[in-house]
């Protein structure tokens, strides 16, 4: 842990969560294009093509959430 940030770890949970949200928002506002490796771009293209060939093969967000919560009856 960076000693410079040690006081931040003493904040309450709600304050730390707000700090995280504020930091994330400040990053999101920056108009910087993050590099995406070509291998990741290729994988995304392949996944999109597979989905377009068989759209019913995917799952809805509700289905994913239910599985994650152990509610996949």
PDB file of N, CA and C in Angstrom:
ATOM      1  N   UNK A   1       0.847  -1.175   0.000  1.00  0.00           N
ATOM      2  CA  UNK A   1       0.000   0.000   0.000  1.00  0.00           C
ATOM      3  C   UNK A   1       0.895   1.241   0.000  1.00  0.00           C
ATOM      4  N   UNK A   2       0.526   2.195  -0.800  1.00  0.00           N
ATOM      5  CA  UNK A   2       1.250   3.447  -0.884  1.00  0.00           C
ATOM      6  C   UNK A   2       0.949   4.261   0.378  1.00  0.00           C
ATOM      7  N   UNK A   3       1.989   4.625   1.125  1.00  0.00           N
ATOM      8  CA  UNK A   3       1.816   5.357   2.386  1.00  0.00           C
ATOM      9  C   UNK A   3       1.086   6.683   2.173  1.00  0.00           C
ATOM     10  N   UNK A   4       1.236   7.253   1.011  1.00  0.00           N
ATOM     11  CA  UNK A   4       0.588   8.525   0.708  1.00  0.00           C
ATOM     12  C   UNK A   4      -0.942   8.391   0.749  1.00  0.00           C
ATOM     13  N   UNK A   5      -1.449   7.213   0.436  1.00  0.00           N
ATOM     14  CA  UNK A   5      -2.892   6.993   0.395  1.00  0.00           C
ATOM     15  C   UNK A   5      -3.440   6.364   1.669  1.00  0.00           C
ATOM     16  N   UNK A   6      -2.593   6.088   2.624  1.00  0.00           N
ATOM     17  CA  UNK A   6      -3.015   5.417   3.862  1.00  0.00           C
ATOM     18  C   UNK A   6      -4.204   6.109   4.533  1.00  0.00           C
ATOM     19  N   UNK A   7      -4.245   7.426   4.599  1.00  0.00           N
ATOM     20  CA  UNK A   7      -5.404   8.068   5.247  1.00  0.00           C
ATOM     21  C   UNK A   7      -6.739   7.741   4.574  1.00  0.00           C
ATOM     22  N   UNK A   8      -6.685   7.480   3.282  1.00  0.00           N
ATOM     23  CA  UNK A   8      -7.928   7.162   2.571  1.00  0.00           C
ATOM     24  C   UNK A   8      -8.534   5.845   3.055  1.00  0.00           C
ATOM     25  N   UNK A   9      -7.679   4.921   3.478  1.00  0.00           N
ATOM     26  CA  UNK A   9      -8.162   3.622   3.944  1.00  0.00           C
ATOM     27  C   UNK A   9      -8.824   3.718   5.318  1.00  0.00           C
ATOM     28  N   UNK A  10      -8.681   4.847   5.953  1.00  0.00           N
ATOM     29  CA  UNK A  10      -9.305   5.053   7.261  1.00  0.00           C
ATOM     30  C   UNK A  10     -10.705   5.652   7.127  1.00  0.00           C
ATOM     31  N   UNK A  11     -11.074   6.045   5.922  1.00  0.00           N
ATOM     32  CA  UNK A  11     -12.408   6.585   5.702  1.00  0.00           C
ATOM     33  C   UNK A  11     -13.450   5.481   5.897  1.00  0.00           C
ATOM     34  N   UNK A  12     -14.658   5.876   6.159  1.00  0.00           N
ATOM     35  CA  UNK A  12     -15.743   4.905   6.275  1.00  0.00           C
ATOM     36  C   UNK A  12     -16.040   4.269   4.929  1.00  0.00           C
ATOM     37  N   UNK A  13     -16.772   3.172   4.960  1.00  0.00           N
ATOM     38  CA  UNK A  13     -17.079   2.440   3.734  1.00  0.00           C
ATOM     39  C   UNK A  13     -17.812   3.322   2.722  1.00  0.00           C
ATOM     40  N   UNK A  14     -18.825   4.041   3.167  1.00  0.00           N
ATOM     41  CA  UNK A  14     -19.589   4.890   2.248  1.00  0.00           C
ATOM     42  C   UNK A  14     -18.698   5.961   1.620  1.00  0.00           C
ATOM     43  N   UNK A  15     -17.818   6.530   2.421  1.00  0.00           N
ATOM     44  CA  UNK A  15     -16.916   7.562   1.896  1.00  0.00           C
ATOM     45  C   UNK A  15     -15.940   6.973   0.887  1.00  0.00           C
ATOM     46  N   UNK A  16     -15.428   5.778   1.156  1.00  0.00           N
ATOM     47  CA  UNK A  16     -14.501   5.127   0.217  1.00  0.00           C
ATOM     48  C   UNK A  16     -15.215   4.773  -1.078  1.00  0.00           C
ATOM     49  N   UNK A  17     -16.465   4.295  -0.975  1.00  0.00           N
ATOM     50  CA  UNK A  17     -17.219   3.983  -2.184  1.00  0.00           C
ATOM     51  C   UNK A  17     -17.480   5.241  -3.007  1.00  0.00           C
ATOM     52  N   UNK A  18     -17.794   6.333  -2.333  1.00  0.00           N
ATOM     53  CA  UNK A  18     -18.002   7.595  -3.050  1.00  0.00           C
ATOM     54  C   UNK A  18     -16.717   8.044  -3.729  1.00  0.00           C
ATOM     55  N   UNK A  19     -15.591   7.863  -3.052  1.00  0.00           N
ATOM     56  CA  UNK A  19     -14.302   8.226  -3.630  1.00  0.00           C
ATOM     57  C   UNK A  19     -14.031   7.394  -4.885  1.00  0.00           C
ATOM     58  N   UNK A  20     -14.295   6.113  -4.813  1.00  0.00           N
ATOM     59  CA  UNK A  20     -14.112   5.237  -5.978  1.00  0.00           C
ATOM     60  C   UNK A  20     -14.994   5.710  -7.127  1.00  0.00           C
ATOM     61  N   UNK A  21     -16.255   6.000  -6.838  1.00  0.00           N
ATOM     62  CA  UNK A  21     -17.178   6.471  -7.871  1.00  0.00           C
ATOM     63  C   UNK A  21     -16.692   7.778  -8.479  1.00  0.00           C
ATOM     64  N   UNK A  22     -16.224   8.683  -7.646  1.00  0.00           N
ATOM     65  CA  UNK A  22     -15.727   9.972  -8.144  1.00  0.00           C
ATOM     66  C   UNK A  22     -14.483   9.783  -9.012  1.00  0.00           C
ATOM     67  N   UNK A  23     -13.589   8.911  -8.581  1.00  0.00           N
ATOM     68  CA  UNK A  23     -12.390   8.634  -9.377  1.00  0.00           C
ATOM     69  C   UNK A  23     -12.770   8.018 -10.721  1.00  0.00           C
ATOM     70  N   UNK A  24     -13.679   7.038 -10.682  1.00  0.00           N
ATOM     71  CA  UNK A  24     -14.108   6.382 -11.913  1.00  0.00           C
ATOM     72  C   UNK A  24     -14.746   7.396 -12.871  1.00  0.00           C
ATOM     73  N   UNK A  25     -15.595   8.272 -12.336  1.00  0.00           N
ATOM     74  CA  UNK A  25     -16.231   9.288 -13.168  1.00  0.00           C
ATOM     75  C   UNK A  25     -15.194  10.211 -13.795  1.00  0.00           C
ATOM     76  N   UNK A  26     -14.174  10.556 -13.035  1.00  0.00           N
ATOM     77  CA  UNK A  26     -13.146  11.453 -13.569  1.00  0.00           C
ATOM     78  C   UNK A  26     -12.362  10.776 -14.694  1.00  0.00           C
ATOM     79  N   UNK A  27     -12.148   9.476 -14.578  1.00  0.00           N
ATOM     80  CA  UNK A  27     -11.456   8.734 -15.633  1.00  0.00           C
ATOM     81  C   UNK A  27     -12.342   8.645 -16.868  1.00  0.00           C
ATOM     82  N   UNK A  28     -13.628   8.382 -16.657  1.00  0.00           N
ATOM     83  CA  UNK A  28     -14.565   8.234 -17.771  1.00  0.00           C
ATOM     84  C   UNK A  28     -14.713   9.534 -18.561  1.00  0.00           C
ATOM     85  N   UNK A  29     -14.505  10.667 -17.921  1.00  0.00           N
ATOM     86  CA  UNK A  29     -14.646  11.954 -18.595  1.00  0.00           C
ATOM     87  C   UNK A  29     -13.458  12.275 -19.494  1.00  0.00           C
ATOM     88  N   UNK A  30     -12.354  11.590 -19.269  1.00  0.00           N
ATOM     89  CA  UNK A  30     -11.177  11.829 -20.096  1.00  0.00           C
ATOM     90  C   UNK A  30     -11.415  11.258 -21.489  1.00  0.00           C
ATOM     91  N   UNK A  31     -11.097  12.017 -22.486  1.00  0.00           N
ATOM     92  CA  UNK A  31     -11.298  11.559 -23.853  1.00  0.00           C
ATOM     93  C   UNK A  31     -10.005  10.956 -24.379  1.00  0.00           C
ATOM     94  N   UNK A  32      -9.646   9.846 -23.779  1.00  0.00           N
ATOM     95  CA  UNK A  32      -8.423   9.161 -24.164  1.00  0.00           C
ATOM     96  C   UNK A  32      -8.809   7.798 -24.736  1.00  0.00           C
ATOM     97  N   UNK A  33      -8.327   7.515 -25.894  1.00  0.00           N
ATOM     98  CA  UNK A  33      -8.581   6.227 -26.531  1.00  0.00           C
ATOM     99  C   UNK A  33      -7.609   5.207 -25.939  1.00  0.00           C
ATOM    100  N   UNK A  34      -8.159   4.229 -25.248  1.00  0.00           N
ATOM    101  CA  UNK A  34      -7.314   3.194 -24.667  1.00  0.00           C
ATOM    102  C   UNK A  34      -6.944   2.179 -25.738  1.00  0.00           C
ATOM    103  N   UNK A  35      -5.708   1.717 -25.704  1.00  0.00           N
ATOM    104  CA  UNK A  35      -5.297   0.744 -26.721  1.00  0.00           C
ATOM    105  C   UNK A  35      -5.975  -0.613 -26.501  1.00  0.00           C
ATOM    106  N   UNK A  36      -6.432  -1.192 -27.585  1.00  0.00           N
ATOM    107  CA  UNK A  36      -7.016  -2.536 -27.543  1.00  0.00           C
ATOM    108  C   UNK A  36      -6.154  -3.406 -28.441  1.00  0.00           C
ATOM    109  N   UNK A  37      -5.567  -4.454 -27.866  1.00  0.00           N
ATOM    110  CA  UNK A  37      -4.708  -5.315 -28.686  1.00  0.00           C
ATOM    111  C   UNK A  37      -5.482  -5.936 -29.849  1.00  0.00           C
ATOM    112  N   UNK A  38      -4.810  -6.129 -30.946  1.00  0.00           N
ATOM    113  CA  UNK A  38      -5.452  -6.700 -32.133  1.00  0.00           C
ATOM    114  C   UNK A  38      -6.056  -8.070 -31.835  1.00  0.00           C
ATOM    115  N   UNK A  39      -5.433  -8.844 -30.952  1.00  0.00           N
ATOM    116  CA  UNK A  39      -5.970 -10.168 -30.609  1.00  0.00           C
ATOM    117  C   UNK A  39      -7.356 -10.043 -29.968  1.00  0.00           C
ATOM    118  N   UNK A  40      -7.566  -9.021 -29.159  1.00  0.00           N
ATOM    119  CA  UNK A  40      -8.872  -8.794 -28.525  1.00  0.00           C
ATOM    120  C   UNK A  40      -9.897  -8.331 -29.565  1.00  0.00           C
ATOM    121  N   UNK A  41      -9.467  -7.467 -30.473  1.00  0.00           N
ATOM    122  CA  UNK A  41     -10.368  -7.013 -31.540  1.00  0.00           C
ATOM    123  C   UNK A  41     -10.828  -8.197 -32.396  1.00  0.00           C
ATOM    124  N   UNK A  42      -9.888  -9.085 -32.716  1.00  0.00           N
ATOM    125  CA  UNK A  42     -10.212 -10.260 -33.502  1.00  0.00           C
ATOM    126  C   UNK A  42     -11.213 -11.144 -32.769  1.00  0.00           C
ATOM    127  N   UNK A  43     -10.990 -11.367 -31.480  1.00  0.00           N
ATOM    128  CA  UNK A  43     -11.900 -12.194 -30.688  1.00  0.00           C
ATOM    129  C   UNK A  43     -13.301 -11.595 -30.671  1.00  0.00           C
ATOM    130  N   UNK A  44     -13.396 -10.294 -30.519  1.00  0.00           N
ATOM    131  CA  UNK A  44     -14.702  -9.636 -30.531  1.00  0.00           C
ATOM    132  C   UNK A  44     -15.394  -9.789 -31.881  1.00  0.00           C
ATOM    133  N   UNK A  45     -14.632  -9.659 -32.963  1.00  0.00           N
ATOM    134  CA  UNK A  45     -15.223  -9.846 -34.292  1.00  0.00           C
ATOM    135  C   UNK A  45     -15.741 -11.270 -34.464  1.00  0.00           C
ATOM    136  N   UNK A  46     -14.956 -12.249 -34.010  1.00  0.00           N
ATOM    137  CA  UNK A  46     -15.368 -13.646 -34.122  1.00  0.00           C
ATOM    138  C   UNK A  46     -16.628 -13.925 -33.308  1.00  0.00           C
ATOM    139  N   UNK A  47     -16.682 -13.383 -32.109  1.00  0.00           N
ATOM    140  CA  UNK A  47     -17.869 -13.580 -31.272  1.00  0.00           C
ATOM    141  C   UNK A  47     -19.100 -12.948 -31.903  1.00  0.00           C
ATOM    142  N   UNK A  48     -18.928 -11.774 -32.478  1.00  0.00           N
ATOM    143  CA  UNK A  48     -20.047 -11.109 -33.135  1.00  0.00           C
ATOM    144  C   UNK A  48     -20.538 -11.934 -34.326  1.00  0.00           C
ATOM    145  N   UNK A  49     -19.600 -12.460 -35.108  1.00  0.00           N
ATOM    146  CA  UNK A  49     -19.971 -13.285 -36.255  1.00  0.00           C
ATOM    147  C   UNK A  49     -20.731 -14.541 -35.804  1.00  0.00           C
ATOM    148  N   UNK A  50     -20.249 -15.185 -34.738  1.00  0.00           N
ATOM    149  CA  UNK A  50     -20.937 -16.380 -34.230  1.00  0.00           C
ATOM    150  C   UNK A  50     -22.346 -16.030 -33.773  1.00  0.00           C
ATOM    151  N   UNK A  51     -22.480 -14.916 -33.111  1.00  0.00           N
ATOM    152  CA  UNK A  51     -23.803 -14.491 -32.650  1.00  0.00           C
ATOM    153  C   UNK A  51     -24.731 -14.193 -33.833  1.00  0.00           C
ATOM    154  N   UNK A  52     -24.193 -13.520 -34.835  1.00  0.00           N
ATOM    155  CA  UNK A  52     -25.011 -13.187 -36.001  1.00  0.00           C
ATOM    156  C   UNK A  52     -25.465 -14.444 -36.746  1.00  0.00           C
ATOM    157  N   UNK A  53     -24.631 -15.495 -36.761  1.00  0.00           N
ATOM    158  CA  UNK A  53     -25.015 -16.752 -37.398  1.00  0.00           C
ATOM    159  C   UNK A  53     -26.057 -17.505 -36.586  1.00  0.00           C
ATOM    160  N   UNK A  54     -26.014 -17.340 -35.249  1.00  0.00           N
ATOM    161  CA  UNK A  54     -26.928 -18.077 -34.380  1.00  0.00           C
ATOM    162  C   UNK A  54     -27.338 -17.188 -33.204  1.00  0.00           C
ATOM    163  N   UNK A  55     -28.229 -16.228 -33.428  1.00  0.00           N
ATOM    164  CA  UNK A  55     -28.606 -15.264 -32.384  1.00  0.00           C
ATOM    165  C   UNK A  55     -29.235 -15.906 -31.148  1.00  0.00           C
ATOM    166  N   UNK A  56     -29.849 -17.066 -31.298  1.00  0.00           N
ATOM    167  CA  UNK A  56     -30.493 -17.718 -30.154  1.00  0.00           C
ATOM    168  C   UNK A  56     -29.508 -18.430 -29.233  1.00  0.00           C
ATOM    169  N   UNK A  57     -28.237 -18.438 -29.614  1.00  0.00           N
ATOM    170  CA  UNK A  57     -27.247 -19.138 -28.795  1.00  0.00           C
ATOM    171  C   UNK A  57     -26.844 -18.345 -27.551  1.00  0.00           C
ATOM    172  N   UNK A  58     -27.151 -17.057 -27.543  1.00  0.00           N
ATOM    173  CA  UNK A  58     -26.773 -16.218 -26.407  1.00  0.00           C
ATOM    174  C   UNK A  58     -27.761 -16.341 -25.260  1.00  0.00           C
ATOM    175  N   UNK A  59     -27.451 -15.635 -24.188  1.00  0.00           N
ATOM    176  CA  UNK A  59     -28.328 -15.601 -23.019  1.00  0.00           C
ATOM    177  C   UNK A  59     -28.619 -14.158 -22.674  1.00  0.00           C
ATOM    178  N   UNK A  60     -29.784 -13.925 -22.113  1.00  0.00           N
ATOM    179  CA  UNK A  60     -30.150 -12.574 -21.696  1.00  0.00           C
ATOM    180  C   UNK A  60     -29.401 -12.226 -20.412  1.00  0.00           C
ATOM    181  N   UNK A  61     -29.364 -10.940 -20.101  1.00  0.00           N
ATOM    182  CA  UNK A  61     -28.733 -10.495 -18.867  1.00  0.00           C
ATOM    183  C   UNK A  61     -29.447 -11.102 -17.659  1.00  0.00           C
ATOM    184  N   UNK A  62     -30.767 -11.198 -17.718  1.00  0.00           N
ATOM    185  CA  UNK A  62     -31.512 -11.816 -16.610  1.00  0.00           C
ATOM    186  C   UNK A  62     -31.096 -13.267 -16.408  1.00  0.00           C
ATOM    187  N   UNK A  63     -30.893 -14.013 -17.492  1.00  0.00           N
ATOM    188  CA  UNK A  63     -30.454 -15.405 -17.375  1.00  0.00           C
ATOM    189  C   UNK A  63     -29.058 -15.492 -16.755  1.00  0.00           C
ATOM    190  N   UNK A  64     -28.173 -14.625 -17.178  1.00  0.00           N
ATOM    191  CA  UNK A  64     -26.818 -14.615 -16.625  1.00  0.00           C
ATOM    192  C   UNK A  64     -26.856 -14.295 -15.138  1.00  0.00           C
ATOM    193  N   UNK A  65     -27.639 -13.285 -14.783  1.00  0.00           N
ATOM    194  CA  UNK A  65     -27.746 -12.873 -13.384  1.00  0.00           C
ATOM    195  C   UNK A  65     -28.329 -14.002 -12.528  1.00  0.00           C
ATOM    196  N   UNK A  66     -29.358 -14.679 -13.026  1.00  0.00           N
ATOM    197  CA  UNK A  66     -29.949 -15.784 -12.272  1.00  0.00           C
ATOM    198  C   UNK A  66     -28.956 -16.911 -12.063  1.00  0.00           C
ATOM    199  N   UNK A  67     -28.170 -17.215 -13.091  1.00  0.00           N
ATOM    200  CA  UNK A  67     -27.160 -18.256 -12.949  1.00  0.00           C
ATOM    201  C   UNK A  67     -26.116 -17.846 -11.917  1.00  0.00           C
ATOM    202  N   UNK A  68     -25.698 -16.597 -11.966  1.00  0.00           N
ATOM    203  CA  UNK A  68     -24.685 -16.111 -11.025  1.00  0.00           C
ATOM    204  C   UNK A  68     -25.187 -16.159  -9.592  1.00  0.00           C
ATOM    205  N   UNK A  69     -26.472 -15.976  -9.422  1.00  0.00           N
ATOM    206  CA  UNK A  69     -27.059 -15.997  -8.067  1.00  0.00           C
ATOM    207  C   UNK A  69     -27.505 -17.392  -7.663  1.00  0.00           C
ATOM    208  N   UNK A  70     -27.247 -18.385  -8.519  1.00  0.00           N
ATOM    209  CA  UNK A  70     -27.615 -19.752  -8.189  1.00  0.00           C
ATOM    210  C   UNK A  70     -29.083 -20.038  -8.327  1.00  0.00           C
ATOM    211  N   UNK A  71     -29.777 -19.241  -9.136  1.00  0.00           N
ATOM    212  CA  UNK A  71     -31.224 -19.381  -9.306  1.00  0.00           C
ATOM    213  C   UNK A  71     -31.584 -19.943 -10.674  1.00  0.00           C
ATOM    214  N   UNK A  72     -30.651 -20.651 -11.295  1.00  0.00           N
ATOM    215  CA  UNK A  72     -30.917 -21.139 -12.651  1.00  0.00           C
ATOM    216  C   UNK A  72     -31.671 -22.455 -12.622  1.00  0.00           C
ATOM    217  N   UNK A  73     -32.978 -22.336 -12.457  1.00  0.00           N
ATOM    218  CA  UNK A  73     -33.849 -23.521 -12.373  1.00  0.00           C
ATOM    219  C   UNK A  73     -33.937 -24.224 -13.702  1.00  0.00           C
TER     220      UNK A  73
END
